[in-house]
PDB file of N, CA and C in Angstrom:
ATOM      1  N   MET A   1      18.169  -3.126  70.272  1.00  0.00           N
ATOM      2  CA  MET A   1      18.709  -1.883  69.748  1.00  0.00           C
ATOM      3  C   MET A   1      19.688  -1.284  70.756  1.00  0.00           C
ATOM      4  N   THR A   2      20.842  -0.874  70.271  1.00  0.00           N
ATOM      5  CA  THR A   2      21.842  -0.299  71.162  1.00  0.00           C
ATOM      6  C   THR A   2      21.666   1.205  71.224  1.00  0.00           C
ATOM      7  N   LYS A   3      22.046   1.748  72.340  1.00  0.00           N
ATOM      8  CA  LYS A   3      21.870   3.165  72.593  1.00  0.00           C
ATOM      9  C   LYS A   3      23.121   3.931  72.178  1.00  0.00           C
ATOM     10  N   GLN A   4      22.958   4.985  71.392  1.00  0.00           N
ATOM     11  CA  GLN A   4      24.075   5.812  70.949  1.00  0.00           C
ATOM     12  C   GLN A   4      24.691   6.528  72.147  1.00  0.00           C
ATOM     13  N   TYR A   5      26.013   6.634  72.155  1.00  0.00           N
ATOM     14  CA  TYR A   5      26.703   7.393  73.187  1.00  0.00           C
ATOM     15  C   TYR A   5      26.539   8.871  72.878  1.00  0.00           C
ATOM     16  N   ILE A   6      26.126   9.637  73.866  1.00  0.00           N
ATOM     17  CA  ILE A   6      25.906  11.074  73.700  1.00  0.00           C
ATOM     18  C   ILE A   6      27.024  11.821  74.409  1.00  0.00           C
ATOM     19  N   GLN A   7      27.726  12.659  73.668  1.00  0.00           N
ATOM     20  CA  GLN A   7      28.826  13.452  74.221  1.00  0.00           C
ATOM     21  C   GLN A   7      28.283  14.452  75.238  1.00  0.00           C
ATOM     22  N   LEU A   8      28.981  14.619  76.342  1.00  0.00           N
ATOM     23  CA  LEU A   8      28.570  15.533  77.399  1.00  0.00           C
ATOM     24  C   LEU A   8      28.856  16.983  77.042  1.00  0.00           C
ATOM     25  N   THR A   9      28.020  17.868  77.568  1.00  0.00           N
ATOM     26  CA  THR A   9      28.332  19.290  77.494  1.00  0.00           C
ATOM     27  C   THR A   9      29.397  19.568  78.557  1.00  0.00           C
ATOM     28  N   PRO A  10      30.153  20.645  78.425  1.00  0.00           N
ATOM     29  CA  PRO A  10      31.168  20.951  79.448  1.00  0.00           C
ATOM     30  C   PRO A  10      30.566  21.089  80.857  1.00  0.00           C
ATOM     31  N   GLU A  11      29.350  21.626  80.951  1.00  0.00           N
ATOM     32  CA  GLU A  11      28.708  21.792  82.251  1.00  0.00           C
ATOM     33  C   GLU A  11      28.373  20.437  82.874  1.00  0.00           C
ATOM     34  N   LYS A  12      27.786  19.535  82.086  1.00  0.00           N
ATOM     35  CA  LYS A  12      27.445  18.200  82.579  1.00  0.00           C
ATOM     36  C   LYS A  12      28.700  17.419  82.935  1.00  0.00           C
ATOM     37  N   ARG A  13      29.756  17.603  82.146  1.00  0.00           N
ATOM     38  CA  ARG A  13      31.031  16.928  82.410  1.00  0.00           C
ATOM     39  C   ARG A  13      31.554  17.340  83.794  1.00  0.00           C
ATOM     40  N   GLN A  14      31.506  18.642  84.097  1.00  0.00           N
ATOM     41  CA  GLN A  14      31.977  19.134  85.391  1.00  0.00           C
ATOM     42  C   GLN A  14      31.094  18.638  86.535  1.00  0.00           C
ATOM     43  N   GLU A  15      29.778  18.573  86.308  1.00  0.00           N
ATOM     44  CA  GLU A  15      28.864  18.056  87.334  1.00  0.00           C
ATOM     45  C   GLU A  15      29.184  16.600  87.654  1.00  0.00           C
ATOM     46  N   LEU A  16      29.398  15.807  86.637  1.00  0.00           N
ATOM     47  CA  LEU A  16      29.686  14.387  86.811  1.00  0.00           C
ATOM     48  C   LEU A  16      31.015  14.183  87.537  1.00  0.00           C
ATOM     49  N   LEU A  17      32.020  14.956  87.191  1.00  0.00           N
ATOM     50  CA  LEU A  17      33.318  14.855  87.856  1.00  0.00           C
ATOM     51  C   LEU A  17      33.224  15.292  89.314  1.00  0.00           C
ATOM     52  N   LYS A  18      32.383  16.281  89.588  1.00  0.00           N
ATOM     53  CA  LYS A  18      32.185  16.741  90.962  1.00  0.00           C
ATOM     54  C   LYS A  18      31.523  15.641  91.787  1.00  0.00           C
ATOM     55  N   ILE A  19      30.545  14.956  91.214  1.00  0.00           N
ATOM     56  CA  ILE A  19      29.883  13.842  91.898  1.00  0.00           C
ATOM     57  C   ILE A  19      30.892  12.739  92.196  1.00  0.00           C
ATOM     58  N   ALA A  20      31.759  12.447  91.235  1.00  0.00           N
ATOM     59  CA  ALA A  20      32.762  11.395  91.393  1.00  0.00           C
ATOM     60  C   ALA A  20      33.893  11.824  92.323  1.00  0.00           C
ATOM     61  N   GLY A  21      33.980  13.111  92.602  1.00  0.00           N
ATOM     62  CA  GLY A  21      35.040  13.611  93.469  1.00  0.00           C
ATOM     63  C   GLY A  21      36.407  13.509  92.831  1.00  0.00           C
ATOM     64  N   SER A  22      36.464  13.742  91.527  1.00  0.00           N
ATOM     65  CA  SER A  22      37.711  13.596  90.796  1.00  0.00           C
ATOM     66  C   SER A  22      37.820  14.690  89.744  1.00  0.00           C
ATOM     67  N   SER A  23      39.007  14.830  89.200  1.00  0.00           N
ATOM     68  CA  SER A  23      39.191  15.735  88.071  1.00  0.00           C
ATOM     69  C   SER A  23      39.314  14.891  86.811  1.00  0.00           C
ATOM     70  N   ASP A  24      39.160  15.523  85.667  1.00  0.00           N
ATOM     71  CA  ASP A  24      39.249  14.792  84.410  1.00  0.00           C
ATOM     72  C   ASP A  24      40.700  14.411  84.147  1.00  0.00           C
ATOM     73  N   ARG A  25      40.883  13.234  83.599  1.00  0.00           N
ATOM     74  CA  ARG A  25      42.216  12.721  83.320  1.00  0.00           C
ATOM     75  C   ARG A  25      42.124  11.677  82.230  1.00  0.00           C
ATOM     76  N   LEU A  26      43.263  11.287  81.726  1.00  0.00           N
ATOM     77  CA  LEU A  26      43.307  10.224  80.735  1.00  0.00           C
ATOM     78  C   LEU A  26      43.363   8.872  81.436  1.00  0.00           C
ATOM     79  N   VAL A  27      42.592   7.933  80.921  1.00  0.00           N
ATOM     80  CA  VAL A  27      42.518   6.588  81.489  1.00  0.00           C
ATOM     81  C   VAL A  27      43.053   5.609  80.452  1.00  0.00           C
ATOM     82  N   ARG A  28      44.016   4.791  80.860  1.00  0.00           N
ATOM     83  CA  ARG A  28      44.602   3.802  79.961  1.00  0.00           C
ATOM     84  C   ARG A  28      43.765   2.522  79.962  1.00  0.00           C
ATOM     85  N   GLU A  29      44.137   1.560  79.145  1.00  0.00           N
ATOM     86  CA  GLU A  29      43.347   0.355  78.885  1.00  0.00           C
ATOM     87  C   GLU A  29      42.959  -0.431  80.132  1.00  0.00           C
ATOM     88  N   GLN A  30      43.902  -0.726  81.002  1.00  0.00           N
ATOM     89  CA  GLN A  30      43.595  -1.564  82.166  1.00  0.00           C
ATOM     90  C   GLN A  30      42.565  -0.897  83.080  1.00  0.00           C
ATOM     91  N   GLU A  31      42.721   0.396  83.328  1.00  0.00           N
ATOM     92  CA  GLU A  31      41.754   1.101  84.173  1.00  0.00           C
ATOM     93  C   GLU A  31      40.405   1.217  83.476  1.00  0.00           C
ATOM     94  N   ARG A  32      40.415   1.426  82.149  1.00  0.00           N
ATOM     95  CA  ARG A  32      39.158   1.471  81.394  1.00  0.00           C
ATOM     96  C   ARG A  32      38.398   0.165  81.545  1.00  0.00           C
ATOM     97  N   LYS A  33      39.124  -0.930  81.475  1.00  0.00           N
ATOM     98  CA  LYS A  33      38.495  -2.242  81.628  1.00  0.00           C
ATOM     99  C   LYS A  33      37.891  -2.394  83.021  1.00  0.00           C
ATOM    100  N   ASN A  34      38.594  -1.908  84.050  1.00  0.00           N
ATOM    101  CA  ASN A  34      38.070  -1.965  85.410  1.00  0.00           C
ATOM    102  C   ASN A  34      36.826  -1.089  85.588  1.00  0.00           C
ATOM    103  N   ILE A  35      36.802   0.054  84.932  1.00  0.00           N
ATOM    104  CA  ILE A  35      35.666   0.970  85.055  1.00  0.00           C
ATOM    105  C   ILE A  35      34.444   0.449  84.310  1.00  0.00           C
ATOM    106  N   THR A  36      34.630  -0.002  83.078  1.00  0.00           N
ATOM    107  CA  THR A  36      33.484  -0.387  82.241  1.00  0.00           C
ATOM    108  C   THR A  36      33.172  -1.869  82.262  1.00  0.00           C
ATOM    109  N   SER A  37      34.120  -2.685  82.668  1.00  0.00           N
ATOM    110  CA  SER A  37      34.039  -4.152  82.668  1.00  0.00           C
ATOM    111  C   SER A  37      33.830  -4.741  81.278  1.00  0.00           C
ATOM    112  N   LEU A  38      34.210  -3.996  80.252  1.00  0.00           N
ATOM    113  CA  LEU A  38      34.121  -4.483  78.876  1.00  0.00           C
ATOM    114  C   LEU A  38      35.502  -4.940  78.409  1.00  0.00           C
ATOM    115  N   SER A  39      35.516  -5.996  77.629  1.00  0.00           N
ATOM    116  CA  SER A  39      36.782  -6.460  77.067  1.00  0.00           C
ATOM    117  C   SER A  39      37.274  -5.466  76.013  1.00  0.00           C
ATOM    118  N   ARG A  40      38.522  -5.626  75.634  1.00  0.00           N
ATOM    119  CA  ARG A  40      39.108  -4.756  74.615  1.00  0.00           C
ATOM    120  C   ARG A  40      38.360  -4.878  73.284  1.00  0.00           C
ATOM    121  N   SER A  41      38.029  -6.104  72.885  1.00  0.00           N
ATOM    122  CA  SER A  41      37.343  -6.299  71.609  1.00  0.00           C
ATOM    123  C   SER A  41      35.906  -5.776  71.651  1.00  0.00           C
ATOM    124  N   GLU A  42      35.233  -5.932  72.780  1.00  0.00           N
ATOM    125  CA  GLU A  42      33.870  -5.409  72.906  1.00  0.00           C
ATOM    126  C   GLU A  42      33.872  -3.880  72.868  1.00  0.00           C
ATOM    127  N   THR A  43      34.867  -3.285  73.493  1.00  0.00           N
ATOM    128  CA  THR A  43      35.001  -1.827  73.461  1.00  0.00           C
ATOM    129  C   THR A  43      35.235  -1.350  72.037  1.00  0.00           C
ATOM    130  N   TRP A  44      36.138  -2.016  71.323  1.00  0.00           N
ATOM    131  CA  TRP A  44      36.430  -1.651  69.935  1.00  0.00           C
ATOM    132  C   TRP A  44      35.156  -1.720  69.093  1.00  0.00           C
ATOM    133  N   LYS A  45      34.386  -2.786  69.272  1.00  0.00           N
ATOM    134  CA  LYS A  45      33.137  -2.963  68.524  1.00  0.00           C
ATOM    135  C   LYS A  45      32.145  -1.846  68.853  1.00  0.00           C
ATOM    136  N   LYS A  46      32.000  -1.528  70.131  1.00  0.00           N
ATOM    137  CA  LYS A  46      31.061  -0.477  70.535  1.00  0.00           C
ATOM    138  C   LYS A  46      31.511   0.899  70.051  1.00  0.00           C
ATOM    139  N   GLU A  47      32.812   1.134  69.992  1.00  0.00           N
ATOM    140  CA  GLU A  47      33.303   2.405  69.449  1.00  0.00           C
ATOM    141  C   GLU A  47      32.891   2.552  67.989  1.00  0.00           C
ATOM    142  N   ARG A  48      32.986   1.467  67.231  1.00  0.00           N
ATOM    143  CA  ARG A  48      32.606   1.506  65.810  1.00  0.00           C
ATOM    144  C   ARG A  48      31.107   1.724  65.634  1.00  0.00           C
ATOM    145  N   GLU A  49      30.314   1.270  66.598  1.00  0.00           N
ATOM    146  CA  GLU A  49      28.852   1.444  66.558  1.00  0.00           C
ATOM    147  C   GLU A  49      28.418   2.777  67.173  1.00  0.00           C
ATOM    148  N   ASN A  50      29.379   3.576  67.651  1.00  0.00           N
ATOM    149  CA  ASN A  50      29.111   4.851  68.334  1.00  0.00           C
ATOM    150  C   ASN A  50      28.268   4.677  69.591  1.00  0.00           C
ATOM    151  N   THR A  51      28.490   3.573  70.308  1.00  0.00           N
ATOM    152  CA  THR A  51      27.790   3.342  71.565  1.00  0.00           C
ATOM    153  C   THR A  51      28.751   3.371  72.756  1.00  0.00           C
ATOM    154  N   HIS A  52      29.995   3.740  72.512  1.00  0.00           N
ATOM    155  CA  HIS A  52      31.025   3.834  73.550  1.00  0.00           C
ATOM    156  C   HIS A  52      31.881   5.047  73.220  1.00  0.00           C
ATOM    157  N   PRO A  53      32.408   5.755  74.237  1.00  0.00           N
ATOM    158  CA  PRO A  53      33.299   6.894  73.946  1.00  0.00           C
ATOM    159  C   PRO A  53      34.502   6.446  73.116  1.00  0.00           C
ATOM    160  N   HIS A  54      34.908   7.289  72.209  1.00  0.00           N
ATOM    161  CA  HIS A  54      36.046   6.966  71.356  1.00  0.00           C
ATOM    162  C   HIS A  54      37.362   7.225  72.084  1.00  0.00           C
ATOM    163  N   ARG A  55      38.339   6.403  71.753  1.00  0.00           N
ATOM    164  CA  ARG A  55      39.667   6.527  72.357  1.00  0.00           C
ATOM    165  C   ARG A  55      40.389   7.740  71.785  1.00  0.00           C
ATOM    166  N   ILE A  56      41.344   8.216  72.536  1.00  0.00           N
ATOM    167  CA  ILE A  56      42.220   9.305  72.105  1.00  0.00           C
ATOM    168  C   ILE A  56      43.563   8.661  71.788  1.00  0.00           C
ATOM    169  N   VAL A  57      44.028   8.834  70.570  1.00  0.00           N
ATOM    170  CA  VAL A  57      45.306   8.250  70.168  1.00  0.00           C
ATOM    171  C   VAL A  57      46.424   9.150  70.683  1.00  0.00           C
ATOM    172  N   LEU A  58      47.309   8.564  71.494  1.00  0.00           N
ATOM    173  CA  LEU A  58      48.413   9.313  72.076  1.00  0.00           C
ATOM    174  C   LEU A  58      49.713   9.109  71.306  1.00  0.00           C
ATOM    175  N   GLY A  59      49.792   8.019  70.586  1.00  0.00           N
ATOM    176  CA  GLY A  59      50.988   7.695  69.825  1.00  0.00           C
ATOM    177  C   GLY A  59      50.723   6.466  68.981  1.00  0.00           C
ATOM    178  N   LYS A  60      51.775   5.953  68.378  1.00  0.00           N
ATOM    179  CA  LYS A  60      51.626   4.804  67.486  1.00  0.00           C
ATOM    180  C   LYS A  60      51.022   3.598  68.198  1.00  0.00           C
ATOM    181  N   ASN A  61      51.438   3.321  69.408  1.00  0.00           N
ATOM    182  CA  ASN A  61      50.959   2.160  70.153  1.00  0.00           C
ATOM    183  C   ASN A  61      50.339   2.547  71.489  1.00  0.00           C
ATOM    184  N   SER A  62      49.733   3.729  71.559  1.00  0.00           N
ATOM    185  CA  SER A  62      49.226   4.216  72.833  1.00  0.00           C
ATOM    186  C   SER A  62      47.899   4.954  72.642  1.00  0.00           C
ATOM    187  N   CYS A  63      46.946   4.637  73.528  1.00  0.00           N
ATOM    188  CA  CYS A  63      45.669   5.339  73.492  1.00  0.00           C
ATOM    189  C   CYS A  63      45.121   5.455  74.907  1.00  0.00           C
ATOM    190  N   ALA A  64      44.110   6.308  75.080  1.00  0.00           N
ATOM    191  CA  ALA A  64      43.478   6.515  76.384  1.00  0.00           C
ATOM    192  C   ALA A  64      42.071   7.050  76.160  1.00  0.00           C
ATOM    193  N   TRP A  65      41.297   7.104  77.223  1.00  0.00           N
ATOM    194  CA  TRP A  65      39.952   7.648  77.194  1.00  0.00           C
ATOM    195  C   TRP A  65      39.868   8.717  78.272  1.00  0.00           C
ATOM    196  N   LEU A  66      38.971   9.686  78.095  1.00  0.00           N
ATOM    197  CA  LEU A  66      38.741  10.667  79.147  1.00  0.00           C
ATOM    198  C   LEU A  66      37.922  10.016  80.250  1.00  0.00           C
ATOM    199  N   PHE A  67      38.330  10.229  81.492  1.00  0.00           N
ATOM    200  CA  PHE A  67      37.630   9.666  82.643  1.00  0.00           C
ATOM    201  C   PHE A  67      36.165  10.097  82.652  1.00  0.00           C
ATOM    202  N   SER A  68      35.900  11.366  82.356  1.00  0.00           N
ATOM    203  CA  SER A  68      34.519  11.865  82.362  1.00  0.00           C
ATOM    204  C   SER A  68      33.675  11.184  81.283  1.00  0.00           C
ATOM    205  N   ASP A  69      34.265  10.854  80.142  1.00  0.00           N
ATOM    206  CA  ASP A  69      33.527  10.140  79.094  1.00  0.00           C
ATOM    207  C   ASP A  69      33.137   8.741  79.562  1.00  0.00           C
ATOM    208  N   LEU A  70      34.042   8.076  80.265  1.00  0.00           N
ATOM    209  CA  LEU A  70      33.734   6.738  80.768  1.00  0.00           C
ATOM    210  C   LEU A  70      32.656   6.783  81.846  1.00  0.00           C
ATOM    211  N   LEU A  71      32.701   7.799  82.718  1.00  0.00           N
ATOM    212  CA  LEU A  71      31.652   7.952  83.725  1.00  0.00           C
ATOM    213  C   LEU A  71      30.308   8.203  83.059  1.00  0.00           C
ATOM    214  N   SER A  72      30.299   9.043  82.050  1.00  0.00           N
ATOM    215  CA  SER A  72      29.068   9.324  81.308  1.00  0.00           C
ATOM    216  C   SER A  72      28.538   8.060  80.651  1.00  0.00           C
ATOM    217  N   PHE A  73      29.435   7.262  80.087  1.00  0.00           N
ATOM    218  CA  PHE A  73      29.046   6.002  79.462  1.00  0.00           C
ATOM    219  C   PHE A  73      28.345   5.094  80.476  1.00  0.00           C
ATOM    220  N   ILE A  74      28.895   4.993  81.682  1.00  0.00           N
ATOM    221  CA  ILE A  74      28.298   4.162  82.731  1.00  0.00           C
ATOM    222  C   ILE A  74      26.903   4.681  83.090  1.00  0.00           C
ATOM    223  N   TYR A  75      26.762   5.985  83.261  1.00  0.00           N
ATOM    224  CA  TYR A  75      25.453   6.571  83.574  1.00  0.00           C
ATOM    225  C   TYR A  75      24.456   6.302  82.450  1.00  0.00           C
ATOM    226  N   GLN A  76      24.890   6.450  81.206  1.00  0.00           N
ATOM    227  CA  GLN A  76      23.983   6.239  80.080  1.00  0.00           C
ATOM    228  C   GLN A  76      23.576   4.780  79.955  1.00  0.00           C
ATOM    229  N   GLN A  77      24.481   3.854  80.254  1.00  0.00           N
ATOM    230  CA  GLN A  77      24.143   2.429  80.195  1.00  0.00           C
ATOM    231  C   GLN A  77      23.119   2.063  81.254  1.00  0.00           C
ATOM    232  N   ALA A  78      23.196   2.733  82.388  1.00  0.00           N
ATOM    233  CA  ALA A  78      22.272   2.462  83.480  1.00  0.00           C
ATOM    234  C   ALA A  78      20.977   3.266  83.344  1.00  0.00           C
ATOM    235  N   ASN A  79      20.870   4.057  82.252  1.00  0.00           N
ATOM    236  CA  ASN A  79      19.721   4.942  82.036  1.00  0.00           C
ATOM    237  C   ASN A  79      19.494   5.863  83.239  1.00  0.00           C
ATOM    238  N   THR A  80      20.575   6.320  83.818  1.00  0.00           N
ATOM    239  CA  THR A  80      20.520   7.165  84.988  1.00  0.00           C
ATOM    240  C   THR A  80      20.739   8.606  84.565  1.00  0.00           C
ATOM    241  N   HIS A  81      19.874   9.466  85.053  1.00  0.00           N
ATOM    242  CA  HIS A  81      20.036  10.902  84.810  1.00  0.00           C
ATOM    243  C   HIS A  81      21.177  11.407  85.681  1.00  0.00           C
ATOM    244  N   ILE A  82      22.042  12.218  85.131  1.00  0.00           N
ATOM    245  CA  ILE A  82      23.138  12.783  85.893  1.00  0.00           C
ATOM    246  C   ILE A  82      22.557  13.905  86.760  1.00  0.00           C
ATOM    247  N   PRO A  83      22.558  13.718  88.081  1.00  0.00           N
ATOM    248  CA  PRO A  83      21.952  14.717  88.943  1.00  0.00           C
ATOM    249  C   PRO A  83      22.758  16.011  88.957  1.00  0.00           C
ATOM    250  N   SER A  84      22.086  17.114  89.161  1.00  0.00           N
ATOM    251  CA  SER A  84      22.738  18.413  89.230  1.00  0.00           C
ATOM    252  C   SER A  84      23.225  18.649  90.654  1.00  0.00           C
ATOM    253  N   GLN A  85      24.415  19.164  90.762  1.00  0.00           N
ATOM    254  CA  GLN A  85      24.978  19.536  92.069  1.00  0.00           C
ATOM    255  C   GLN A  85      24.728  21.006  92.281  1.00  0.00           C
ATOM    256  N   LYS A  86      24.205  21.357  93.427  1.00  0.00           N
ATOM    257  CA  LYS A  86      23.921  22.763  93.720  1.00  0.00           C
ATOM    258  C   LYS A  86      24.744  23.230  94.869  1.00  0.00           C
TER     259      LYS A  86
END
């Protein structure tokens, strides 16, 4: 059974970005592949199953993902709780 991707709350999104030491940004295909290690076709399949963050369409032949969504996806795949930063 595959695990559904759960969208982050704005607070959790900021906590995760703070841990990563980065700000939120758009990530294109090549960087997404480096972050998730999933092929393009596997990502497409997981998006349809709602087990991967959905892409943002930027134009006719252009798309990207939010960096924070990809980080959340990695944490959820590892069954890791996102720790709170105090």
